[in-house]
C-alpha cells in the first residue's frame, strides 16, 4: 500500500491555506500523534487497548485524509492484539509519510 503524499498536504493546505510554516507544524503534529497511537497499539496486550489505539489512529488519519493508514487501522481492528504483520505495515506507512518530501 503506497503512501500518496498529496493527500496529507492537500488536507493541510485546505485547512490553513499557503502558510508553509503552519503546514509543517501541523504535519509534525499529525505524525507525532499517529506515531503515539502506533506505539500504544504495539504495547496493547488486551482487546480493549488494541481497539482504542486502532480507533484513535483511524480517526486521526480520517481527519487528515491519510487513507492508506486509515485502512491499516481498520485492518488492525480485525486483527488480534499484537499482530506483528499489521504493526509492521503501520510502522512502514508512517515512516513513508515521515520521509516523504513536503
Protein backbone atom coordinates (compact mmCIF):
# COMPACT_ATOMS: atom_id res chain seq x y z
CA UNK A 1 0.00 0.00 0.00
CA UNK A 2 1.71 3.14 -1.19
CA UNK A 3 1.50 6.47 0.55
CA UNK A 4 0.18 9.35 -1.52
CA UNK A 5 1.93 12.43 -0.11
CA UNK A 6 -0.61 14.66 -1.80
CA UNK A 7 -3.49 13.66 0.47
CA UNK A 8 -1.98 14.91 3.73
CA UNK A 9 -0.59 18.01 2.07
CA UNK A 10 -3.93 18.76 0.38
CA UNK A 11 -5.80 18.40 3.68
CA UNK A 12 -3.36 20.69 5.43
CA UNK A 13 -3.43 23.27 2.64
CA UNK A 14 -7.22 23.24 2.65
CA UNK A 15 -7.21 23.86 6.38
CA UNK A 16 -4.62 26.64 6.61
CA UNK A 17 -4.02 27.92 3.11
CA UNK A 18 -0.49 28.59 1.93
CA UNK A 19 1.19 29.17 5.31
CA UNK A 20 4.13 26.79 4.85
CA UNK A 21 5.33 27.09 8.45
CA UNK A 22 1.90 26.20 9.81
CA UNK A 23 1.57 23.32 7.34
CA UNK A 24 4.93 21.94 8.51
CA UNK A 25 3.92 22.31 12.15
CA UNK A 26 0.59 20.55 11.60
CA UNK A 27 2.30 17.80 9.61
CA UNK A 28 4.71 17.22 12.51
CA UNK A 29 1.81 17.20 14.97
CA UNK A 30 -0.04 14.67 12.83
CA UNK A 31 2.99 12.39 12.65
CA UNK A 32 3.66 12.65 16.38
CA UNK A 33 0.06 11.75 17.17
CA UNK A 34 -0.02 8.90 14.66
CA UNK A 35 3.28 7.50 15.95
CA UNK A 36 1.98 7.76 19.53
CA UNK A 37 -1.11 5.74 18.61
CA UNK A 38 1.02 3.20 16.72
CA UNK A 39 3.19 2.85 19.84
CA UNK A 40 0.11 2.33 22.02
CA UNK A 41 -1.10 -0.24 19.51
CA UNK A 42 2.25 -2.05 19.70
CA UNK A 43 2.12 -2.11 23.51
CA UNK A 44 -1.53 -3.19 23.75
CA UNK A 45 -1.96 -6.56 25.37
CA UNK A 46 -5.73 -6.71 25.58
CA UNK A 47 -8.55 -6.29 23.10
CA UNK A 48 -9.80 -3.04 24.67
CA UNK A 49 -6.45 -1.23 24.48
CA UNK A 50 -5.79 -2.56 20.98
CA UNK A 51 -9.21 -1.43 19.78
CA UNK A 52 -8.91 2.01 21.38
CA UNK A 53 -5.50 2.69 19.81
CA UNK A 54 -6.66 1.45 16.40
CA UNK A 55 -9.80 3.60 16.54
CA UNK A 56 -7.81 6.67 17.56
CA UNK A 57 -5.32 6.09 14.75
CA UNK A 58 -8.17 5.61 12.28
CA UNK A 59 -9.91 8.80 13.42
CA UNK A 60 -6.72 10.83 13.26
CA UNK A 61 -5.97 9.59 9.75
CA UNK A 62 -9.54 10.20 8.63
CA UNK A 63 -9.27 13.80 9.83
CA UNK A 64 -6.18 14.36 7.69
CA UNK A 65 -7.19 12.28 4.67
CA UNK A 66 -4.44 9.71 5.14
CA UNK A 67 -6.50 6.88 3.71
CA UNK A 68 -3.79 4.24 3.49
CA UNK A 69 -3.08 4.33 7.23
CA UNK A 70 -6.79 4.60 7.95
CA UNK A 71 -7.29 1.33 6.05
CA UNK A 72 -4.44 -0.24 8.03
CA UNK A 73 -6.14 0.84 11.26
CA UNK A 74 -9.27 -0.93 10.01
CA UNK A 75 -7.14 -3.98 9.34
CA UNK A 76 -5.79 -3.75 12.91
CA UNK A 77 -9.36 -3.73 14.24
CA UNK A 78 -9.85 -7.09 12.54
CA UNK A 79 -6.54 -8.46 13.88
CA UNK A 80 -5.55 -9.87 17.23
CA UNK A 81 -3.74 -7.60 19.70
CA UNK A 82 -0.02 -7.54 18.99
CA UNK A 83 -0.33 -8.81 15.40
CA UNK A 84 3.22 -8.22 14.12
CA UNK A 85 2.18 -8.08 10.47
CA UNK A 86 -0.22 -5.16 10.87
CA UNK A 87 2.12 -3.39 13.30
CA UNK A 88 4.91 -3.60 10.70
CA UNK A 89 2.61 -2.31 7.94
CA UNK A 90 1.56 0.66 10.06
CA UNK A 91 5.15 1.45 11.03
CA UNK A 92 6.24 1.32 7.39
CA UNK A 93 3.36 3.55 6.27
CA UNK A 94 4.13 6.15 8.92
CA UNK A 95 7.85 6.01 8.08
CA UNK A 96 6.97 6.68 4.42
CA UNK A 97 4.98 9.75 5.46
CA UNK A 98 7.80 10.96 7.69
CA UNK A 99 10.40 10.63 4.95
CA UNK A 100 8.32 11.99 2.08
CA UNK A 101 9.19 15.44 0.82
CA UNK A 102 6.53 18.02 1.56
